[in-house]
Amino acid sequence: MNRTILPILLILAVSCQPKSKTVEYPGMVKQENFQSTYKDLKTDLYTIKNDNGVVMQVTNYGAKIVTLFVPDKEGNFKDIVFGYENIQAYLGGDKYFGAIVGRYANRIAGGKFILDGTEYQIPTNDGGKNALHGGDSGFDNAVWTGEITENPDGEAVKLTLYSPDRDQGFPGNLKVEVLYTLTDKNELIVDYSAVTDKPTVVNLSQHSYFNLNGQDSGPILDHELVINADNFTPVDQALIPTGEIRPVEGSAFDFRTPHLIGERIASTAEQIVLGGGYDHNFILNKETAGELTFAASAYDKLSGRFLEVFTTQPAIQFYTGNFLNGSQTGKGGMVYNYRSGFCLETQHYPDSPNHPDFPSTVLRPGEVYKQQTVFRFSAK
C-alpha cells in the first residue's frame, strides 16, 4: 500500500476554458446553509477553486463532496455531482451522496468476519443481511475535522477522523485522514491514510454520484464507459462475491473498449439481473500492486465532458444508480431518478475479510494504510 508518486500525464486541453477565478456558478450551495451542529459537533462547508475556474465544495459531515463545477466543450460550467443544499437535507437524504465510506466500503457478508481468531459483528444495514459501507452509522455519518490547506499540487481540504475501538463493531482505535486536492490540471486527487492500535480491516472509498451532463440532466445511459479490467467478481442474490474471478470477455461486463452504459444494461444475463443493472466489482489490470494506474473513463458526448480515473487501489465498483427511485430531491430542487447518476468507487474487493484469496484489507499496528485516487476532468 505504498504511496505512488503521481506520474506526469498528458491533459486534454480545452481551448475555450476560462482562466479567471471570477466565474459565476448559479445555484452554488451557501456557506451558511452548513453552519449547523450534529452530534454536538459543528458542520462546515469548504470551497476551493483552481486557476481554470473549477470549483469544489466539501462538507465535514461525512467528508462529502457537495458540488463540483467543471466546464463542458464550450467552456460552460455545470455541477456534475449529486448532493443537498444543507445539513438537514443530508441527514434526511441519501447518506452516501459524495461521502467517504468506511471503515469498510462495500459489503461484508452477514456483517461478520474473523480476524486473528476473533469474530466481529458489524450492523447488518443492507436489507438486514449484510454490512454495507461500514454499518448503519459509518464514516458517512460522522463529523470530521476539516480545514482548507495547500500542498504543492494545489488547494486542498484536509479532513481527519478518529474512529474508536469497536466503532460499528470494528476493532482498533483508527485515525483516518483524507486529503482532497484540486489541481490546475483539473484533477481531483483523493489521498487516504489511516493507522490503528489493534489489528483491523480498512477499505475506504469515495462515493460520488456523477452525471457528466450535469446533476440535473436525467439518465446516464448514453455516457460512454471504459473500465481497465479483464475480470470481475460475480455476486450472489445478496450482491456478495461468490469467490469466483470471472473474465469479462464476451459478456456485458467487458468495458475494455468503449460502450454506452445503457447498451447492455437490459441484458437478461444472470449477473445483470442479480445486480439490477451494474453494481459490481471490477478487478483492475495492474502489473504491480499498489501502483497508480488508469482504472476507468466516462464520456458524455452531449457536453463533451470527459472523466478519467486513476488509482492505486486494486479494484473499482461500477454502480448505475439502480436503487435511485425519485424519492430524493437534491440541489436546485432536482429529483434524482432511476439511473440518473453513476459511481466509480475505487476500492479493495467486497467481503475481502471472508475471502482469503482476495487482496488483504487487514491493517496492523505500525503499518500505514495509504491509497490514492485521481479524478481527471477535461472536455473534447
Protein backbone atom coordinates (compact mmCIF):
# COMPACT_ATOMS: atom_id res chain seq x y z
CA MET A 1 0.00 0.00 0.00
CA ASN A 2 2.93 2.33 -0.50
CA ARG A 3 2.03 5.70 -1.89
CA THR A 4 2.92 6.01 -5.54
CA ILE A 5 4.19 9.31 -6.93
CA LEU A 6 1.75 10.70 -9.47
CA PRO A 7 3.33 10.40 -12.93
CA ILE A 8 3.30 13.23 -15.43
CA LEU A 9 0.33 12.58 -17.69
CA LEU A 10 -0.96 14.46 -20.71
CA ILE A 11 -4.11 16.55 -20.15
CA LEU A 12 -6.60 17.14 -22.93
CA ALA A 13 -6.75 20.91 -23.42
CA VAL A 14 -9.99 22.83 -23.59
CA SER A 15 -9.05 25.87 -25.65
CA CYS A 16 -12.14 27.85 -24.66
CA GLN A 17 -11.87 27.06 -20.97
CA PRO A 18 -11.99 30.19 -18.78
CA LYS A 19 -8.85 31.06 -16.88
CA SER A 20 -10.44 33.52 -14.47
CA LYS A 21 -11.32 32.77 -10.87
CA THR A 22 -14.38 35.05 -11.16
CA VAL A 23 -16.67 32.59 -12.95
CA GLU A 24 -20.22 32.73 -11.59
CA TYR A 25 -21.90 29.46 -10.57
CA PRO A 26 -25.69 29.78 -10.30
CA GLY A 27 -27.16 27.67 -7.52
CA MET A 28 -23.94 27.14 -5.57
CA VAL A 29 -24.62 25.99 -2.04
CA LYS A 30 -24.21 28.78 0.51
CA GLN A 31 -21.76 28.59 3.38
CA GLU A 32 -24.40 29.49 5.95
CA ASN A 33 -26.56 26.51 4.97
CA PHE A 34 -23.93 24.27 6.54
CA GLN A 35 -23.35 26.21 9.75
CA SER A 36 -25.11 23.72 11.98
CA THR A 37 -24.34 21.07 14.58
CA TYR A 38 -24.72 17.32 14.53
CA LYS A 39 -23.87 15.10 17.49
CA ASP A 40 -22.81 18.34 19.24
CA LEU A 41 -20.16 18.93 16.57
CA LYS A 42 -20.04 21.85 14.14
CA THR A 43 -20.67 21.22 10.46
CA ASP A 44 -18.98 23.37 7.83
CA LEU A 45 -18.68 23.85 4.09
CA TYR A 46 -15.31 24.31 2.40
CA THR A 47 -14.95 25.81 -1.09
CA ILE A 48 -11.83 25.58 -3.25
CA LYS A 49 -11.24 26.76 -6.81
CA ASN A 50 -8.42 26.23 -9.30
CA ASP A 51 -6.98 28.67 -11.85
CA ASN A 52 -9.31 27.31 -14.55
CA GLY A 53 -12.45 28.15 -12.59
CA VAL A 54 -13.23 24.59 -11.47
CA VAL A 55 -14.96 24.74 -8.07
CA MET A 56 -15.45 22.03 -5.48
CA GLN A 57 -17.36 22.28 -2.21
CA VAL A 58 -16.90 19.77 0.60
CA THR A 59 -18.63 19.41 3.96
CA ASN A 60 -17.01 17.88 7.01
CA TYR A 61 -20.24 15.93 7.59
CA GLY A 62 -19.29 12.57 6.11
CA ALA A 63 -16.37 14.18 4.23
CA LYS A 64 -18.88 14.60 1.42
CA ILE A 65 -18.26 16.35 -1.90
CA VAL A 66 -21.28 18.66 -2.20
CA THR A 67 -20.69 20.38 -5.56
CA LEU A 68 -18.19 20.01 -8.39
CA PHE A 69 -18.41 22.56 -11.21
CA VAL A 70 -16.42 21.65 -14.35
CA PRO A 71 -16.55 23.06 -17.91
CA ASP A 72 -18.04 21.45 -20.99
CA LYS A 73 -16.62 21.62 -24.54
CA GLU A 74 -17.94 25.20 -24.87
CA GLY A 75 -16.44 26.31 -21.59
CA ASN A 76 -19.77 26.33 -19.74
CA PHE A 77 -19.69 25.18 -16.15
CA LYS A 78 -22.18 22.79 -14.53
CA ASP A 79 -22.34 20.91 -11.26
CA ILE A 80 -21.83 17.20 -12.05
CA VAL A 81 -22.31 15.51 -8.65
CA PHE A 82 -25.36 14.69 -6.54
CA GLY A 83 -25.85 16.41 -3.20
CA TYR A 84 -28.02 18.58 -0.98
CA GLU A 85 -28.23 22.27 -0.11
CA ASN A 86 -27.96 22.00 3.68
CA ILE A 87 -27.09 19.67 6.52
CA GLN A 88 -30.73 18.98 7.38
CA ALA A 89 -31.30 17.65 3.86
CA TYR A 90 -28.21 15.43 4.14
CA LEU A 91 -29.47 13.99 7.43
CA GLY A 92 -32.76 13.05 5.79
CA GLY A 93 -31.39 12.14 2.38
CA ASP A 94 -29.24 9.51 0.71
CA LYS A 95 -26.40 9.05 3.17
CA TYR A 96 -23.80 8.09 0.56
CA PHE A 97 -24.04 11.01 -1.88
CA GLY A 98 -20.44 12.26 -2.18
CA ALA A 99 -19.30 10.58 1.05
CA ILE A 100 -16.14 8.88 2.18
CA VAL A 101 -17.43 5.43 3.08
CA GLY A 102 -15.78 3.21 5.67
CA ARG A 103 -14.48 1.71 7.87
CA TYR A 104 -15.19 -0.90 5.19
CA ALA A 105 -16.54 0.25 1.82
CA ASN A 106 -18.98 -2.07 0.07
CA ARG A 107 -20.40 -5.25 1.60
CA ILE A 108 -19.37 -7.75 4.28
CA ALA A 109 -21.47 -10.93 4.23
CA GLY A 110 -23.67 -11.22 7.29
CA GLY A 111 -21.71 -8.34 8.80
CA LYS A 112 -19.30 -10.93 10.19
CA PHE A 113 -15.61 -11.64 9.80
CA ILE A 114 -12.89 -13.40 11.78
CA LEU A 115 -9.56 -11.69 12.41
CA ASP A 116 -6.77 -13.43 14.33
CA GLY A 117 -9.25 -15.95 15.72
CA THR A 118 -11.82 -13.43 16.97
CA GLU A 119 -15.19 -12.96 15.30
CA TYR A 120 -16.50 -9.42 14.85
CA GLN A 121 -20.08 -8.38 14.12
CA ILE A 122 -20.92 -5.24 12.13
CA PRO A 123 -24.51 -3.92 11.90
CA THR A 124 -26.37 -5.51 9.01
CA ASN A 125 -27.72 -2.35 7.41
CA ASP A 126 -28.12 -3.82 3.90
CA GLY A 127 -31.58 -5.35 3.97
CA GLY A 128 -30.81 -6.93 7.33
CA LYS A 129 -28.43 -9.35 5.64
CA ASN A 130 -25.04 -7.68 5.16
CA ALA A 131 -22.96 -4.78 6.40
CA LEU A 132 -22.75 -2.02 3.78
CA HIS A 133 -20.19 0.81 3.79
CA GLY A 134 -19.20 0.32 7.42
CA GLY A 135 -22.55 -0.27 9.12
CA ASP A 136 -25.59 1.83 9.93
CA SER A 137 -23.50 4.76 11.21
CA GLY A 138 -20.27 4.65 9.24
CA PHE A 139 -17.82 7.36 8.26
CA ASP A 140 -20.51 8.90 6.02
CA ASN A 141 -22.46 9.77 9.20
CA ALA A 142 -19.53 11.21 11.18
CA VAL A 143 -18.48 14.83 11.60
CA TRP A 144 -14.86 15.06 10.55
CA THR A 145 -12.36 17.77 11.48
CA GLY A 146 -11.76 19.87 8.38
CA GLU A 147 -9.55 22.68 7.16
CA ILE A 148 -8.59 24.32 3.89
CA THR A 149 -4.89 23.92 3.21
CA GLU A 150 -2.44 23.96 0.31
CA ASN A 151 0.10 21.49 -0.97
CA PRO A 152 2.43 21.53 -4.00
CA ASP A 153 -0.36 20.16 -6.21
CA GLY A 154 -2.98 22.83 -5.44
CA GLU A 155 -5.59 23.98 -2.96
CA ALA A 156 -6.87 21.26 -0.69
CA VAL A 157 -9.32 20.31 2.03
CA LYS A 158 -7.91 18.08 4.77
CA LEU A 159 -10.35 16.00 6.79
CA THR A 160 -9.45 13.87 9.80
CA LEU A 161 -11.48 11.42 11.86
CA TYR A 162 -10.92 9.34 14.99
CA SER A 163 -12.87 6.07 14.94
CA PRO A 164 -12.74 4.42 18.40
CA ASP A 165 -12.25 0.74 19.14
CA ARG A 166 -15.44 -1.22 18.38
CA ASP A 167 -16.93 1.66 16.40
CA GLN A 168 -19.70 -0.17 14.48
CA GLY A 169 -18.11 -3.35 15.81
CA PHE A 170 -14.70 -2.90 14.18
CA PRO A 171 -11.61 -3.48 16.35
CA GLY A 172 -8.91 -0.89 16.99
CA ASN A 173 -8.70 2.84 17.50
CA LEU A 174 -8.35 4.10 13.93
CA LYS A 175 -7.07 7.53 12.90
CA VAL A 176 -8.05 8.48 9.35
CA GLU A 177 -7.04 11.38 7.10
CA VAL A 178 -8.49 12.21 3.71
CA LEU A 179 -6.97 14.98 1.59
CA TYR A 180 -8.98 16.38 -1.33
CA THR A 181 -6.71 18.38 -3.67
CA LEU A 182 -7.94 20.35 -6.69
CA THR A 183 -5.11 20.92 -9.16
CA ASP A 184 -4.74 23.33 -12.07
CA LYS A 185 -4.71 20.26 -14.33
CA ASN A 186 -8.40 19.87 -13.44
CA GLU A 187 -7.62 16.85 -11.30
CA LEU A 188 -9.33 15.97 -8.05
CA ILE A 189 -6.78 13.96 -6.07
CA VAL A 190 -8.06 11.94 -3.12
CA ASP A 191 -5.34 10.78 -0.72
CA TYR A 192 -6.31 8.36 2.05
CA SER A 193 -4.24 7.39 5.08
CA ALA A 194 -5.01 5.55 8.33
CA VAL A 195 -3.26 3.99 11.33
CA THR A 196 -4.54 1.68 14.06
CA ASP A 197 -3.51 0.45 17.50
CA LYS A 198 -5.05 -3.03 17.02
CA PRO A 199 -5.39 -5.31 14.00
CA THR A 200 -8.45 -4.26 12.00
CA VAL A 201 -9.77 -4.16 8.43
CA VAL A 202 -9.87 -0.96 6.37
CA ASN A 203 -11.32 -0.28 2.94
CA LEU A 204 -12.06 3.38 2.15
CA SER A 205 -13.71 4.78 -0.96
CA GLN A 206 -15.17 7.99 -2.39
CA HIS A 207 -18.87 7.60 -3.22
CA SER A 208 -19.80 10.50 -5.50
CA TYR A 209 -22.64 10.06 -7.97
CA PHE A 210 -21.68 11.60 -11.33
CA ASN A 211 -23.70 12.85 -14.26
CA LEU A 212 -21.29 14.50 -16.69
CA ASN A 213 -24.09 16.38 -18.42
CA GLY A 214 -24.99 17.98 -15.08
CA GLN A 215 -26.56 16.75 -11.88
CA ASP A 216 -29.93 17.97 -13.19
CA SER A 217 -29.78 16.17 -16.54
CA GLY A 218 -31.60 12.87 -16.22
CA PRO A 219 -30.41 9.37 -17.24
CA ILE A 220 -26.73 8.47 -17.66
CA LEU A 221 -27.34 5.58 -20.06
CA ASP A 222 -25.79 7.44 -23.01
CA HIS A 223 -22.48 8.02 -21.22
CA GLU A 224 -19.65 6.08 -22.81
CA LEU A 225 -17.64 3.99 -20.37
CA VAL A 226 -14.25 2.27 -20.32
CA ILE A 227 -13.04 0.06 -17.43
CA ASN A 228 -9.48 -1.28 -17.47
CA ALA A 229 -10.38 -4.74 -16.18
CA ASP A 230 -10.06 -8.21 -17.67
CA ASN A 231 -12.00 -9.76 -14.78
CA PHE A 232 -14.77 -9.04 -12.29
CA THR A 233 -16.18 -10.72 -9.18
CA PRO A 234 -19.65 -12.25 -9.75
CA VAL A 235 -22.19 -11.89 -6.94
CA ASP A 236 -24.98 -13.92 -5.39
CA GLN A 237 -28.55 -12.73 -4.79
CA ALA A 238 -27.39 -10.64 -1.80
CA LEU A 239 -24.73 -8.95 -4.00
CA ILE A 240 -21.92 -10.70 -2.11
CA PRO A 241 -19.00 -12.02 -4.20
CA THR A 242 -19.19 -15.77 -4.75
CA GLY A 243 -15.40 -16.02 -4.68
CA GLU A 244 -15.15 -16.64 -8.41
CA ILE A 245 -12.91 -14.46 -10.57
CA ARG A 246 -14.63 -14.33 -13.95
CA PRO A 247 -13.29 -12.95 -17.25
CA VAL A 248 -15.31 -10.09 -18.74
CA GLU A 249 -14.63 -11.20 -22.30
CA GLY A 250 -17.76 -11.90 -24.29
CA SER A 251 -20.06 -10.52 -21.59
CA ALA A 252 -21.97 -7.34 -20.76
CA PHE A 253 -19.14 -6.57 -18.33
CA ASP A 254 -16.50 -6.08 -21.00
CA PHE A 255 -15.77 -2.35 -20.96
CA ARG A 256 -12.17 -2.66 -22.10
CA THR A 257 -13.29 -0.82 -25.21
CA PRO A 258 -15.87 1.98 -25.07
CA HIS A 259 -19.53 1.04 -24.64
CA LEU A 260 -22.56 3.10 -23.70
CA ILE A 261 -23.70 2.40 -20.15
CA GLY A 262 -27.19 1.63 -21.42
CA GLU A 263 -26.08 -0.56 -24.31
CA ARG A 264 -26.30 -3.87 -22.43
CA ILE A 265 -27.88 -2.88 -19.11
CA ALA A 266 -31.20 -4.52 -20.05
CA SER A 267 -29.48 -7.85 -20.70
CA THR A 268 -31.06 -10.97 -19.28
CA ALA A 269 -27.61 -12.23 -18.25
CA GLU A 270 -27.72 -13.59 -14.69
CA GLN A 271 -25.28 -11.08 -13.22
CA ILE A 272 -27.07 -8.08 -14.71
CA VAL A 273 -30.38 -9.37 -13.33
CA LEU A 274 -28.92 -10.02 -9.88
CA GLY A 275 -27.42 -6.54 -9.73
CA GLY A 276 -30.49 -4.80 -11.14
CA GLY A 277 -28.00 -3.41 -13.64
CA TYR A 278 -24.35 -2.79 -12.88
CA ASP A 279 -23.37 -2.96 -9.21
CA HIS A 280 -20.19 -4.99 -9.49
CA ASN A 281 -16.53 -5.05 -8.53
CA PHE A 282 -14.07 -4.97 -11.44
CA ILE A 283 -10.50 -6.19 -10.86
CA LEU A 284 -8.17 -3.62 -12.35
CA ASN A 285 -5.32 -4.62 -14.64
CA LYS A 286 -2.05 -3.86 -12.86
CA GLU A 287 1.49 -5.03 -13.41
CA THR A 288 2.47 -4.04 -9.88
CA ALA A 289 0.13 -3.98 -6.89
CA GLY A 290 -0.28 -0.52 -5.39
CA GLU A 291 0.88 1.46 -8.43
CA LEU A 292 -1.16 4.40 -9.69
CA THR A 293 -2.72 3.25 -12.97
CA PHE A 294 -5.63 4.02 -15.26
CA ALA A 295 -8.86 2.49 -13.95
CA ALA A 296 -11.77 3.88 -15.94
CA SER A 297 -13.14 6.72 -18.03
CA ALA A 298 -16.56 8.14 -18.78
CA TYR A 299 -17.55 10.44 -21.64
CA ASP A 300 -20.72 12.42 -22.23
CA LYS A 301 -20.97 13.23 -25.94
CA LEU A 302 -23.60 15.94 -25.47
CA SER A 303 -21.49 18.12 -23.15
CA GLY A 304 -18.10 16.78 -24.20
CA ARG A 305 -17.13 16.30 -20.55
CA PHE A 306 -14.61 13.51 -20.08
CA LEU A 307 -13.69 11.88 -16.77
CA GLU A 308 -10.63 9.68 -16.25
CA VAL A 309 -9.98 7.75 -13.04
CA PHE A 310 -6.54 6.59 -11.86
CA THR A 311 -5.94 4.70 -8.64
CA THR A 312 -3.54 2.70 -6.51
CA GLN A 313 -6.46 0.51 -5.41
CA PRO A 314 -6.84 -3.00 -6.86
CA ALA A 315 -10.47 -2.68 -7.92
CA ILE A 316 -13.37 -0.42 -8.79
CA GLN A 317 -17.12 -0.73 -8.15
CA PHE A 318 -19.22 0.39 -11.09
CA TYR A 319 -22.74 1.28 -9.96
CA THR A 320 -25.51 2.66 -12.17
CA GLY A 321 -27.92 4.17 -9.65
CA ASN A 322 -30.20 1.12 -9.69
CA PHE A 323 -31.69 1.97 -6.28
CA LEU A 324 -32.44 5.61 -7.11
CA ASN A 325 -36.23 5.94 -7.28
CA GLY A 326 -37.08 9.64 -7.35
CA SER A 327 -37.57 9.85 -3.59
CA GLN A 328 -34.57 12.16 -3.12
CA THR A 329 -34.67 15.86 -4.01
CA GLY A 330 -31.26 17.48 -4.20
CA LYS A 331 -29.69 20.79 -5.11
CA GLY A 332 -31.88 23.22 -7.00
CA GLY A 333 -34.93 21.02 -6.41
CA MET A 334 -33.55 18.32 -8.69
CA VAL A 335 -35.25 14.94 -8.26
CA TYR A 336 -32.71 12.13 -8.56
CA ASN A 337 -34.45 9.45 -10.58
CA TYR A 338 -33.60 5.88 -11.53
CA ARG A 339 -30.18 5.62 -13.19
CA SER A 340 -29.62 9.36 -13.28
CA GLY A 341 -26.14 9.04 -11.77
CA PHE A 342 -23.26 6.56 -11.78
CA CYS A 343 -20.49 5.76 -9.31
CA LEU A 344 -16.90 4.68 -9.91
CA GLU A 345 -15.79 3.65 -6.41
CA THR A 346 -12.11 2.69 -6.23
CA GLN A 347 -11.66 0.06 -3.54
CA HIS A 348 -10.49 -3.34 -2.37
CA TYR A 349 -12.81 -6.23 -3.17
CA PRO A 350 -16.15 -6.53 -1.36
CA ASP A 351 -16.22 -9.06 1.51
CA SER A 352 -12.45 -9.49 1.40
CA PRO A 353 -12.22 -10.35 5.13
CA ASN A 354 -14.17 -13.55 4.34
CA HIS A 355 -12.17 -14.46 1.21
CA PRO A 356 -8.54 -15.35 1.99
CA ASP A 357 -7.73 -15.42 -1.74
CA PHE A 358 -8.73 -11.75 -2.20
CA PRO A 359 -6.16 -8.99 -1.58
CA SER A 360 -5.92 -8.41 2.17
CA THR A 361 -7.60 -5.43 3.83
CA VAL A 362 -6.01 -6.11 7.23
CA LEU A 363 -4.20 -3.16 8.84
CA ARG A 364 -1.95 -3.83 11.81
CA PRO A 365 -0.28 -1.56 14.36
CA GLY A 366 2.86 0.01 12.93
CA GLU A 367 1.51 -0.11 9.36
CA VAL A 368 0.08 2.83 7.44
CA TYR A 369 -2.89 2.45 5.13
CA LYS A 370 -2.24 4.65 2.08
CA GLN A 371 -4.22 4.86 -1.13
CA GLN A 372 -4.67 7.48 -3.82
CA THR A 373 -7.33 8.06 -6.47
CA VAL A 374 -7.25 10.77 -9.14
CA PHE A 375 -10.35 12.02 -10.97
CA ARG A 376 -9.25 13.99 -14.03
CA PHE A 377 -11.69 16.21 -15.93
CA SER A 378 -11.38 17.55 -19.45
CA ALA A 379 -13.61 18.05 -22.50
CA LYS A 380 -13.47 17.00 -26.10
